[in-house]
Amino acid sequence: MKLIVLSDTHLKTGEIPGQLQTLLKDCDLIVHAGDFNTIKAYNAFNASGKLKAVSGNDDSSELKKLLPERLIFEVEGVKIGVVHEGGLSVMDTTAQGYLAKEMGVDVLIFGHLHCPLIERKDVMLICPGSPTNPRMSNPSVVELIIEKGSIEGRVLVLEGESCEYIKFRDALKRQKEEESHK
């Protein structure tokens, strides 16, 4: 089963960007770890009928009433937990690991940090980043393939606006490369 995992879309309208639409059509399940922003955005993702989602800190009050803060479900024998705020860092994932243990899941999907991470410890920790509003990274989602209890995950980097840090880092890199060729 193919899952597309995303978070922090922060869409004001019901318009899902084209590249993201293509990915969502070609999956069995969409998992959103919160911060749709509006009910219109939620409805756009939910139109497929294959959405599992939680609310995020930046979601409208209407969405916070509609969606849970935590969600646990099973796919082919793998227990998956979803929250928006799993911890404060992708550098130190201790909090996320403890939360996964507390929830009794094999995989914990979390958002809020806008920066992608796939980490395997006792459990698999996944932060998909943000496809529309990344921080310290390029736009991204995570593709998870689950077959007979086996889990494979990869970060899919999308086209689109990167954060200013990434633009600055890339400009410095180009400048250094140009200077080294002189």
N, C-alpha and C. Protein backbone atom coordinates (compact mmCIF):
# COMPACT_ATOMS: atom_id res chain seq x y z
N MET A 1 0.84 -1.18 0.00
CA MET A 1 0.00 0.00 0.00
C MET A 1 0.89 1.24 0.00
N LYS A 2 0.56 2.19 -0.86
CA LYS A 2 1.33 3.43 -0.94
C LYS A 2 0.59 4.56 -0.21
N LEU A 3 1.32 5.20 0.73
CA LEU A 3 0.79 6.35 1.47
C LEU A 3 1.59 7.57 1.08
N ILE A 4 0.91 8.69 0.89
CA ILE A 4 1.57 9.98 0.77
C ILE A 4 1.32 10.70 2.07
N VAL A 5 2.40 11.06 2.74
CA VAL A 5 2.35 11.70 4.05
C VAL A 5 2.74 13.16 3.88
N LEU A 6 1.90 14.06 4.38
CA LEU A 6 2.21 15.47 4.28
C LEU A 6 1.70 16.22 5.50
N SER A 7 2.11 17.46 5.60
CA SER A 7 1.73 18.29 6.73
C SER A 7 1.96 19.75 6.36
N ASP A 8 1.41 20.62 7.14
CA ASP A 8 1.72 22.05 7.04
C ASP A 8 1.55 22.58 5.61
N THR A 9 0.39 22.27 5.03
CA THR A 9 0.11 22.77 3.69
C THR A 9 -0.27 24.25 3.72
N HIS A 10 -0.87 24.69 4.81
CA HIS A 10 -1.20 26.11 5.01
C HIS A 10 -1.88 26.74 3.79
N LEU A 11 -2.90 26.06 3.29
CA LEU A 11 -3.61 26.57 2.11
C LEU A 11 -4.84 27.35 2.54
N LYS A 12 -5.01 28.52 1.99
CA LYS A 12 -6.17 29.35 2.31
C LYS A 12 -7.38 28.97 1.45
N THR A 13 -7.10 28.37 0.29
CA THR A 13 -8.18 28.00 -0.64
C THR A 13 -8.26 26.48 -0.74
N GLY A 14 -9.16 26.02 -1.58
CA GLY A 14 -9.29 24.59 -1.83
C GLY A 14 -8.48 24.14 -3.02
N GLU A 15 -7.50 24.92 -3.42
CA GLU A 15 -6.66 24.61 -4.58
C GLU A 15 -5.40 23.88 -4.14
N ILE A 16 -5.31 22.60 -4.50
CA ILE A 16 -4.10 21.82 -4.22
C ILE A 16 -3.14 22.01 -5.39
N PRO A 17 -1.88 22.38 -5.13
CA PRO A 17 -0.92 22.58 -6.22
C PRO A 17 -0.83 21.35 -7.13
N GLY A 18 -0.62 21.60 -8.44
CA GLY A 18 -0.65 20.56 -9.46
C GLY A 18 0.25 19.36 -9.19
N GLN A 19 1.51 19.59 -8.84
CA GLN A 19 2.43 18.49 -8.60
C GLN A 19 1.95 17.61 -7.44
N LEU A 20 1.38 18.25 -6.44
CA LEU A 20 0.86 17.52 -5.29
C LEU A 20 -0.38 16.72 -5.68
N GLN A 21 -1.25 17.29 -6.50
CA GLN A 21 -2.43 16.58 -6.99
C GLN A 21 -2.04 15.28 -7.67
N THR A 22 -1.00 15.34 -8.51
CA THR A 22 -0.53 14.16 -9.23
C THR A 22 -0.10 13.07 -8.26
N LEU A 23 0.67 13.43 -7.23
CA LEU A 23 1.11 12.45 -6.22
C LEU A 23 -0.07 11.85 -5.47
N LEU A 24 -1.05 12.67 -5.14
CA LEU A 24 -2.19 12.21 -4.35
C LEU A 24 -3.09 11.28 -5.14
N LYS A 25 -3.17 11.47 -6.45
CA LYS A 25 -3.98 10.58 -7.28
C LYS A 25 -3.38 9.18 -7.34
N ASP A 26 -2.06 9.10 -7.22
CA ASP A 26 -1.33 7.84 -7.39
C ASP A 26 -0.99 7.18 -6.05
N CYS A 27 -1.86 7.31 -5.05
CA CYS A 27 -1.59 6.66 -3.76
C CYS A 27 -2.87 6.02 -3.25
N ASP A 28 -2.69 5.14 -2.27
CA ASP A 28 -3.83 4.44 -1.68
C ASP A 28 -4.41 5.19 -0.48
N LEU A 29 -3.55 5.96 0.20
CA LEU A 29 -3.96 6.67 1.40
C LEU A 29 -3.18 7.96 1.53
N ILE A 30 -3.87 9.02 1.94
CA ILE A 30 -3.24 10.32 2.21
C ILE A 30 -3.26 10.52 3.72
N VAL A 31 -2.10 10.82 4.29
CA VAL A 31 -2.02 11.07 5.73
C VAL A 31 -1.53 12.51 5.91
N HIS A 32 -2.35 13.33 6.55
CA HIS A 32 -2.03 14.75 6.75
C HIS A 32 -1.88 15.02 8.24
N ALA A 33 -0.71 15.51 8.64
CA ALA A 33 -0.41 15.76 10.06
C ALA A 33 -0.72 17.19 10.48
N GLY A 34 -1.78 17.76 9.95
CA GLY A 34 -2.29 19.03 10.44
C GLY A 34 -1.74 20.28 9.78
N ASP A 35 -2.40 21.38 10.08
CA ASP A 35 -2.18 22.70 9.49
C ASP A 35 -2.58 22.75 8.02
N PHE A 36 -3.83 22.38 7.79
CA PHE A 36 -4.47 22.63 6.49
C PHE A 36 -4.67 24.15 6.38
N ASN A 37 -5.08 24.75 7.46
CA ASN A 37 -5.46 26.14 7.67
C ASN A 37 -6.95 26.35 7.60
N THR A 38 -7.58 25.97 6.47
CA THR A 38 -9.00 26.26 6.27
C THR A 38 -9.80 24.99 5.99
N ILE A 39 -11.09 25.08 6.20
CA ILE A 39 -11.98 23.97 5.88
C ILE A 39 -11.98 23.70 4.37
N LYS A 40 -11.80 24.74 3.56
CA LYS A 40 -11.73 24.56 2.10
C LYS A 40 -10.54 23.68 1.74
N ALA A 41 -9.40 23.92 2.37
CA ALA A 41 -8.21 23.10 2.10
C ALA A 41 -8.45 21.66 2.55
N TYR A 42 -9.00 21.49 3.73
CA TYR A 42 -9.31 20.15 4.23
C TYR A 42 -10.23 19.42 3.26
N ASN A 43 -11.29 20.08 2.83
CA ASN A 43 -12.25 19.45 1.92
C ASN A 43 -11.60 19.05 0.60
N ALA A 44 -10.66 19.84 0.12
CA ALA A 44 -9.96 19.50 -1.13
C ALA A 44 -9.18 18.20 -0.96
N PHE A 45 -8.49 18.04 0.15
CA PHE A 45 -7.74 16.81 0.40
C PHE A 45 -8.67 15.64 0.68
N ASN A 46 -9.78 15.90 1.34
CA ASN A 46 -10.72 14.85 1.73
C ASN A 46 -11.61 14.39 0.57
N ALA A 47 -11.64 15.13 -0.52
CA ALA A 47 -12.51 14.79 -1.66
C ALA A 47 -12.21 13.41 -2.23
N SER A 48 -10.99 12.96 -2.08
CA SER A 48 -10.60 11.65 -2.61
C SER A 48 -11.20 10.49 -1.81
N GLY A 49 -11.59 10.76 -0.57
CA GLY A 49 -12.12 9.71 0.29
C GLY A 49 -11.05 8.82 0.90
N LYS A 50 -9.79 9.19 0.73
CA LYS A 50 -8.70 8.36 1.27
C LYS A 50 -7.82 9.13 2.24
N LEU A 51 -8.39 10.08 2.97
CA LEU A 51 -7.64 10.95 3.88
C LEU A 51 -7.75 10.50 5.32
N LYS A 52 -6.61 10.45 6.01
CA LYS A 52 -6.52 10.31 7.46
C LYS A 52 -5.82 11.57 7.93
N ALA A 53 -6.38 12.27 8.93
CA ALA A 53 -5.81 13.57 9.29
C ALA A 53 -6.06 13.93 10.74
N VAL A 54 -5.18 14.82 11.25
CA VAL A 54 -5.33 15.43 12.56
C VAL A 54 -5.33 16.95 12.39
N SER A 55 -5.73 17.64 13.43
CA SER A 55 -5.71 19.10 13.39
C SER A 55 -4.32 19.61 13.78
N GLY A 56 -4.03 20.83 13.34
CA GLY A 56 -2.76 21.47 13.67
C GLY A 56 -3.00 22.76 14.42
N ASN A 57 -1.94 23.32 14.96
CA ASN A 57 -2.06 24.54 15.76
C ASN A 57 -2.54 25.74 14.95
N ASP A 58 -2.34 25.73 13.63
CA ASP A 58 -2.71 26.86 12.79
C ASP A 58 -4.04 26.64 12.06
N ASP A 59 -4.73 25.56 12.37
CA ASP A 59 -6.01 25.27 11.72
C ASP A 59 -7.12 26.12 12.32
N SER A 60 -8.15 26.34 11.52
CA SER A 60 -9.31 27.12 11.97
C SER A 60 -10.01 26.39 13.12
N SER A 61 -10.78 27.12 13.90
CA SER A 61 -11.50 26.50 15.02
C SER A 61 -12.47 25.44 14.51
N GLU A 62 -13.01 25.64 13.34
CA GLU A 62 -13.92 24.67 12.73
C GLU A 62 -13.20 23.33 12.49
N LEU A 63 -11.96 23.39 11.99
CA LEU A 63 -11.18 22.18 11.77
C LEU A 63 -10.77 21.53 13.09
N LYS A 64 -10.44 22.34 14.07
CA LYS A 64 -10.04 21.79 15.37
C LYS A 64 -11.19 21.02 16.03
N LYS A 65 -12.42 21.44 15.75
CA LYS A 65 -13.59 20.71 16.27
C LYS A 65 -13.83 19.42 15.48
N LEU A 66 -13.52 19.45 14.20
CA LEU A 66 -13.78 18.33 13.30
C LEU A 66 -12.74 17.21 13.41
N LEU A 67 -11.47 17.59 13.56
CA LEU A 67 -10.37 16.62 13.51
C LEU A 67 -9.78 16.35 14.90
N PRO A 68 -9.32 15.12 15.14
CA PRO A 68 -8.69 14.82 16.42
C PRO A 68 -7.28 15.41 16.49
N GLU A 69 -6.74 15.50 17.71
CA GLU A 69 -5.34 15.93 17.89
C GLU A 69 -4.39 14.76 17.68
N ARG A 70 -4.87 13.55 17.95
CA ARG A 70 -4.08 12.33 17.77
C ARG A 70 -4.94 11.31 17.02
N LEU A 71 -4.27 10.51 16.21
CA LEU A 71 -4.96 9.48 15.45
C LEU A 71 -4.07 8.24 15.41
N ILE A 72 -4.68 7.08 15.59
CA ILE A 72 -3.97 5.80 15.45
C ILE A 72 -4.78 4.92 14.51
N PHE A 73 -4.12 4.35 13.52
CA PHE A 73 -4.77 3.41 12.61
C PHE A 73 -3.75 2.37 12.18
N GLU A 74 -4.24 1.33 11.52
CA GLU A 74 -3.36 0.22 11.14
C GLU A 74 -3.42 0.01 9.63
N VAL A 75 -2.25 -0.25 9.04
CA VAL A 75 -2.14 -0.58 7.63
C VAL A 75 -1.28 -1.84 7.51
N GLU A 76 -1.88 -2.91 7.03
CA GLU A 76 -1.17 -4.17 6.81
C GLU A 76 -0.32 -4.60 8.01
N GLY A 77 -0.91 -4.51 9.20
CA GLY A 77 -0.23 -4.95 10.41
C GLY A 77 0.69 -3.94 11.05
N VAL A 78 0.80 -2.75 10.48
CA VAL A 78 1.66 -1.69 11.02
C VAL A 78 0.78 -0.64 11.69
N LYS A 79 1.04 -0.39 12.99
CA LYS A 79 0.28 0.64 13.72
C LYS A 79 0.93 2.00 13.48
N ILE A 80 0.12 2.94 13.00
CA ILE A 80 0.60 4.28 12.66
C ILE A 80 -0.09 5.31 13.54
N GLY A 81 0.71 6.18 14.15
CA GLY A 81 0.19 7.28 14.93
C GLY A 81 0.45 8.59 14.21
N VAL A 82 -0.49 9.52 14.34
CA VAL A 82 -0.35 10.83 13.69
C VAL A 82 -0.68 11.91 14.72
N VAL A 83 0.20 12.91 14.81
CA VAL A 83 0.00 14.10 15.64
C VAL A 83 0.53 15.29 14.85
N HIS A 84 0.20 16.48 15.29
CA HIS A 84 0.79 17.64 14.62
C HIS A 84 2.11 18.00 15.29
N GLU A 85 2.07 18.27 16.59
CA GLU A 85 3.28 18.67 17.30
C GLU A 85 3.82 17.49 18.10
N GLY A 86 4.82 16.83 17.55
CA GLY A 86 5.40 15.67 18.22
C GLY A 86 6.60 16.02 19.06
N GLY A 87 7.21 17.15 18.80
CA GLY A 87 8.40 17.60 19.50
C GLY A 87 8.86 18.90 18.89
N LEU A 88 9.93 19.45 19.43
CA LEU A 88 10.37 20.77 18.99
C LEU A 88 11.53 20.75 18.00
N SER A 89 12.02 19.54 17.65
CA SER A 89 13.22 19.51 16.84
C SER A 89 13.27 18.26 15.97
N VAL A 90 13.88 18.39 14.79
CA VAL A 90 14.20 17.21 14.00
C VAL A 90 15.65 16.79 14.27
N MET A 91 16.37 17.58 15.06
CA MET A 91 17.75 17.24 15.42
C MET A 91 17.79 16.31 16.63
N ASP A 92 16.88 16.51 17.58
CA ASP A 92 16.78 15.66 18.76
C ASP A 92 15.35 15.14 18.82
N THR A 93 15.18 13.90 18.45
CA THR A 93 13.83 13.32 18.32
C THR A 93 13.44 12.47 19.54
N THR A 94 14.07 12.72 20.67
CA THR A 94 13.76 11.98 21.88
C THR A 94 12.29 12.09 22.24
N ALA A 95 11.73 13.30 22.19
CA ALA A 95 10.33 13.52 22.55
C ALA A 95 9.40 12.73 21.62
N GLN A 96 9.71 12.74 20.33
CA GLN A 96 8.88 12.02 19.38
C GLN A 96 8.94 10.51 19.63
N GLY A 97 10.13 10.01 19.98
CA GLY A 97 10.29 8.60 20.29
C GLY A 97 9.46 8.19 21.50
N TYR A 98 9.49 9.01 22.55
CA TYR A 98 8.68 8.73 23.74
C TYR A 98 7.19 8.79 23.42
N LEU A 99 6.80 9.75 22.59
CA LEU A 99 5.39 9.87 22.22
C LEU A 99 4.93 8.64 21.45
N ALA A 100 5.76 8.15 20.54
CA ALA A 100 5.43 6.94 19.78
C ALA A 100 5.23 5.76 20.73
N LYS A 101 6.12 5.63 21.71
CA LYS A 101 6.00 4.55 22.71
C LYS A 101 4.71 4.70 23.51
N GLU A 102 4.43 5.94 23.93
CA GLU A 102 3.21 6.21 24.69
C GLU A 102 1.96 5.83 23.89
N MET A 103 1.98 6.12 22.59
CA MET A 103 0.83 5.82 21.73
C MET A 103 0.80 4.36 21.31
N GLY A 104 1.89 3.63 21.52
CA GLY A 104 1.93 2.21 21.17
C GLY A 104 1.93 1.95 19.67
N VAL A 105 2.67 2.80 18.92
CA VAL A 105 2.68 2.68 17.46
C VAL A 105 4.05 2.26 16.94
N ASP A 106 4.05 1.73 15.72
CA ASP A 106 5.29 1.35 15.04
C ASP A 106 5.88 2.53 14.28
N VAL A 107 4.99 3.43 13.82
CA VAL A 107 5.37 4.61 13.04
C VAL A 107 4.68 5.82 13.66
N LEU A 108 5.44 6.89 13.89
CA LEU A 108 4.84 8.15 14.34
C LEU A 108 5.07 9.19 13.27
N ILE A 109 3.96 9.75 12.77
CA ILE A 109 4.00 10.83 11.78
C ILE A 109 3.66 12.12 12.52
N PHE A 110 4.50 13.12 12.33
CA PHE A 110 4.26 14.42 12.97
C PHE A 110 4.61 15.54 12.01
N GLY A 111 4.06 16.70 12.25
CA GLY A 111 4.31 17.86 11.41
C GLY A 111 4.90 18.99 12.22
N HIS A 112 4.46 20.20 11.91
CA HIS A 112 4.78 21.43 12.64
C HIS A 112 6.16 21.99 12.35
N LEU A 113 7.15 21.15 12.07
CA LEU A 113 8.53 21.62 11.93
C LEU A 113 8.89 22.04 10.51
N HIS A 114 8.07 21.68 9.53
CA HIS A 114 8.26 22.09 8.12
C HIS A 114 9.54 21.57 7.49
N CYS A 115 10.23 20.67 8.13
CA CYS A 115 11.51 20.15 7.64
C CYS A 115 11.42 18.62 7.65
N PRO A 116 11.73 17.95 6.52
CA PRO A 116 11.52 16.50 6.45
C PRO A 116 12.53 15.68 7.25
N LEU A 117 12.03 14.54 7.73
CA LEU A 117 12.85 13.61 8.50
C LEU A 117 12.24 12.22 8.39
N ILE A 118 13.08 11.23 8.16
CA ILE A 118 12.70 9.83 8.33
C ILE A 118 13.80 9.23 9.19
N GLU A 119 13.41 8.72 10.34
CA GLU A 119 14.40 8.18 11.28
C GLU A 119 13.89 6.86 11.82
N ARG A 120 14.76 5.87 11.83
CA ARG A 120 14.41 4.57 12.39
C ARG A 120 15.17 4.38 13.70
N LYS A 121 14.42 4.23 14.77
CA LYS A 121 14.98 3.86 16.07
C LYS A 121 14.23 2.59 16.46
N ASP A 122 13.70 2.56 17.66
CA ASP A 122 12.80 1.46 18.03
C ASP A 122 11.53 1.54 17.21
N VAL A 123 11.18 2.76 16.81
CA VAL A 123 10.02 3.03 15.97
C VAL A 123 10.49 3.89 14.79
N MET A 124 9.63 4.03 13.81
CA MET A 124 9.95 4.90 12.67
C MET A 124 9.31 6.26 12.93
N LEU A 125 10.12 7.32 12.85
CA LEU A 125 9.64 8.68 13.04
C LEU A 125 9.67 9.39 11.69
N ILE A 126 8.55 10.04 11.37
CA ILE A 126 8.43 10.70 10.06
C ILE A 126 7.86 12.10 10.22
N CYS A 127 8.61 13.07 9.73
CA CYS A 127 8.12 14.43 9.56
C CYS A 127 8.21 14.70 8.06
N PRO A 128 7.08 14.92 7.39
CA PRO A 128 7.12 15.08 5.93
C PRO A 128 7.61 16.44 5.45
N GLY A 129 7.84 17.37 6.36
CA GLY A 129 8.17 18.73 5.94
C GLY A 129 6.90 19.45 5.52
N SER A 130 7.03 20.34 4.60
CA SER A 130 5.88 21.08 4.08
C SER A 130 6.00 21.19 2.56
N PRO A 131 4.93 20.86 1.82
CA PRO A 131 5.00 20.97 0.37
C PRO A 131 4.85 22.40 -0.14
N THR A 132 4.40 23.30 0.74
CA THR A 132 4.09 24.67 0.29
C THR A 132 4.75 25.76 1.10
N ASN A 133 5.27 25.43 2.29
CA ASN A 133 5.79 26.46 3.19
C ASN A 133 6.97 25.92 4.00
N PRO A 134 8.03 25.42 3.32
CA PRO A 134 9.13 24.76 4.05
C PRO A 134 9.98 25.73 4.87
N ARG A 135 10.62 25.15 5.90
CA ARG A 135 11.61 25.89 6.70
C ARG A 135 12.92 25.12 6.63
N MET A 136 13.98 25.80 6.30
CA MET A 136 15.32 25.19 6.26
C MET A 136 15.36 23.95 5.36
N SER A 137 14.50 23.93 4.35
CA SER A 137 14.44 22.78 3.46
C SER A 137 13.69 23.17 2.18
N ASN A 138 13.67 22.25 1.25
CA ASN A 138 12.86 22.41 0.05
C ASN A 138 11.47 21.86 0.30
N PRO A 139 10.49 22.20 -0.54
CA PRO A 139 9.15 21.64 -0.38
C PRO A 139 9.21 20.12 -0.46
N SER A 140 8.44 19.44 0.40
CA SER A 140 8.54 17.98 0.42
C SER A 140 7.29 17.31 0.99
N VAL A 141 7.18 16.02 0.68
CA VAL A 141 6.24 15.09 1.29
C VAL A 141 7.02 13.79 1.49
N VAL A 142 6.41 12.82 2.14
CA VAL A 142 7.04 11.51 2.30
C VAL A 142 6.14 10.46 1.66
N GLU A 143 6.79 9.56 0.93
CA GLU A 143 6.08 8.41 0.38
C GLU A 143 6.43 7.20 1.24
N LEU A 144 5.39 6.52 1.73
CA LEU A 144 5.58 5.31 2.52
C LEU A 144 4.98 4.14 1.76
N ILE A 145 5.74 3.06 1.65
CA ILE A 145 5.24 1.83 1.06
C ILE A 145 5.21 0.80 2.18
N ILE A 146 4.02 0.26 2.44
CA ILE A 146 3.86 -0.75 3.47
C ILE A 146 3.33 -2.02 2.81
N GLU A 147 4.11 -3.09 2.95
CA GLU A 147 3.72 -4.38 2.39
C GLU A 147 4.03 -5.47 3.39
N LYS A 148 3.00 -6.18 3.83
CA LYS A 148 3.16 -7.33 4.73
C LYS A 148 4.01 -6.99 5.95
N GLY A 149 3.76 -5.84 6.56
CA GLY A 149 4.47 -5.43 7.76
C GLY A 149 5.81 -4.76 7.53
N SER A 150 6.27 -4.74 6.28
CA SER A 150 7.53 -4.07 5.94
C SER A 150 7.25 -2.63 5.54
N ILE A 151 8.10 -1.71 6.00
CA ILE A 151 7.89 -0.28 5.75
C ILE A 151 9.11 0.31 5.05
N GLU A 152 8.87 0.96 3.93
CA GLU A 152 9.93 1.70 3.23
C GLU A 152 9.44 3.14 3.08
N GLY A 153 10.29 4.09 3.40
CA GLY A 153 9.92 5.49 3.28
C GLY A 153 10.98 6.30 2.58
N ARG A 154 10.53 7.30 1.84
CA ARG A 154 11.49 8.21 1.21
C ARG A 154 10.88 9.61 1.12
N VAL A 155 11.75 10.60 1.26
CA VAL A 155 11.34 12.00 1.13
C VAL A 155 11.27 12.32 -0.35
N LEU A 156 10.16 12.89 -0.78
CA LEU A 156 10.01 13.36 -2.16
C LEU A 156 10.14 14.87 -2.16
N VAL A 157 11.17 15.38 -2.80
CA VAL A 157 11.37 16.82 -2.89
C VAL A 157 10.52 17.33 -4.06
N LEU A 158 9.75 18.37 -3.81
CA LEU A 158 8.84 18.92 -4.81
C LEU A 158 9.39 20.21 -5.39
N GLU A 159 8.87 20.56 -6.54
CA GLU A 159 9.19 21.87 -7.11
C GLU A 159 8.41 22.92 -6.35
N GLY A 160 8.91 24.13 -6.34
CA GLY A 160 8.20 25.20 -5.66
C GLY A 160 9.15 26.07 -4.88
N GLU A 161 8.58 27.00 -4.18
CA GLU A 161 9.37 27.96 -3.41
C GLU A 161 10.06 27.30 -2.23
N SER A 162 11.36 27.52 -2.10
CA SER A 162 12.11 27.08 -0.94
C SER A 162 12.18 28.24 0.04
N CYS A 163 12.57 27.93 1.26
CA CYS A 163 12.70 29.01 2.23
C CYS A 163 13.92 29.87 1.90
N GLU A 164 13.99 31.05 2.45
CA GLU A 164 15.06 32.00 2.16
C GLU A 164 16.44 31.43 2.54
N TYR A 165 16.50 30.63 3.60
CA TYR A 165 17.76 30.03 3.99
C TYR A 165 18.33 29.17 2.87
N ILE A 166 17.48 28.34 2.26
CA ILE A 166 17.93 27.44 1.19
C ILE A 166 18.43 28.26 0.00
N LYS A 167 17.71 29.32 -0.33
CA LYS A 167 18.14 30.19 -1.43
C LYS A 167 19.51 30.80 -1.12
N PHE A 168 19.70 31.27 0.12
CA PHE A 168 20.96 31.86 0.53
C PHE A 168 22.08 30.83 0.49
N ARG A 169 21.82 29.63 1.03
CA ARG A 169 22.82 28.55 1.03
C ARG A 169 23.24 28.19 -0.39
N ASP A 170 22.26 28.06 -1.28
CA ASP A 170 22.56 27.70 -2.67
C ASP A 170 23.34 28.80 -3.39
N ALA A 171 23.01 30.06 -3.09
CA ALA A 171 23.75 31.17 -3.70
C ALA A 171 25.20 31.18 -3.23
N LEU A 172 25.44 30.92 -1.94
CA LEU A 172 26.80 30.84 -1.42
C LEU A 172 27.57 29.70 -2.09
N LYS A 173 26.92 28.58 -2.26
CA LYS A 173 27.55 27.43 -2.90
C LYS A 173 27.96 27.76 -4.33
N ARG A 174 27.04 28.40 -5.09
CA ARG A 174 27.36 28.79 -6.47
C ARG A 174 28.52 29.78 -6.50
N GLN A 175 28.53 30.73 -5.56
CA GLN A 175 29.60 31.72 -5.50
C GLN A 175 30.95 31.05 -5.24
N LYS A 176 30.99 30.10 -4.31
CA LYS A 176 32.23 29.38 -4.02
C LYS A 176 32.70 28.57 -5.23
N GLU A 177 31.77 27.96 -5.93
CA GLU A 177 32.13 27.17 -7.12
C GLU A 177 32.70 28.08 -8.21
N GLU A 178 32.11 29.24 -8.41
CA GLU A 178 32.60 30.20 -9.40
C GLU A 178 33.99 30.68 -9.05
N GLU A 179 34.22 30.97 -7.76
CA GLU A 179 35.53 31.44 -7.31
C GLU A 179 36.59 30.36 -7.46
N SER A 180 36.21 29.10 -7.27
CA SER A 180 37.18 28.01 -7.39
C SER A 180 37.55 27.75 -8.85
N HIS A 181 36.73 28.18 -9.80
CA HIS A 181 37.02 27.98 -11.23
C HIS A 181 37.84 29.13 -11.81
N LYS A 182 38.11 30.16 -11.04
CA LYS A 182 38.87 31.31 -11.53
C LYS A 182 40.35 31.07 -11.41
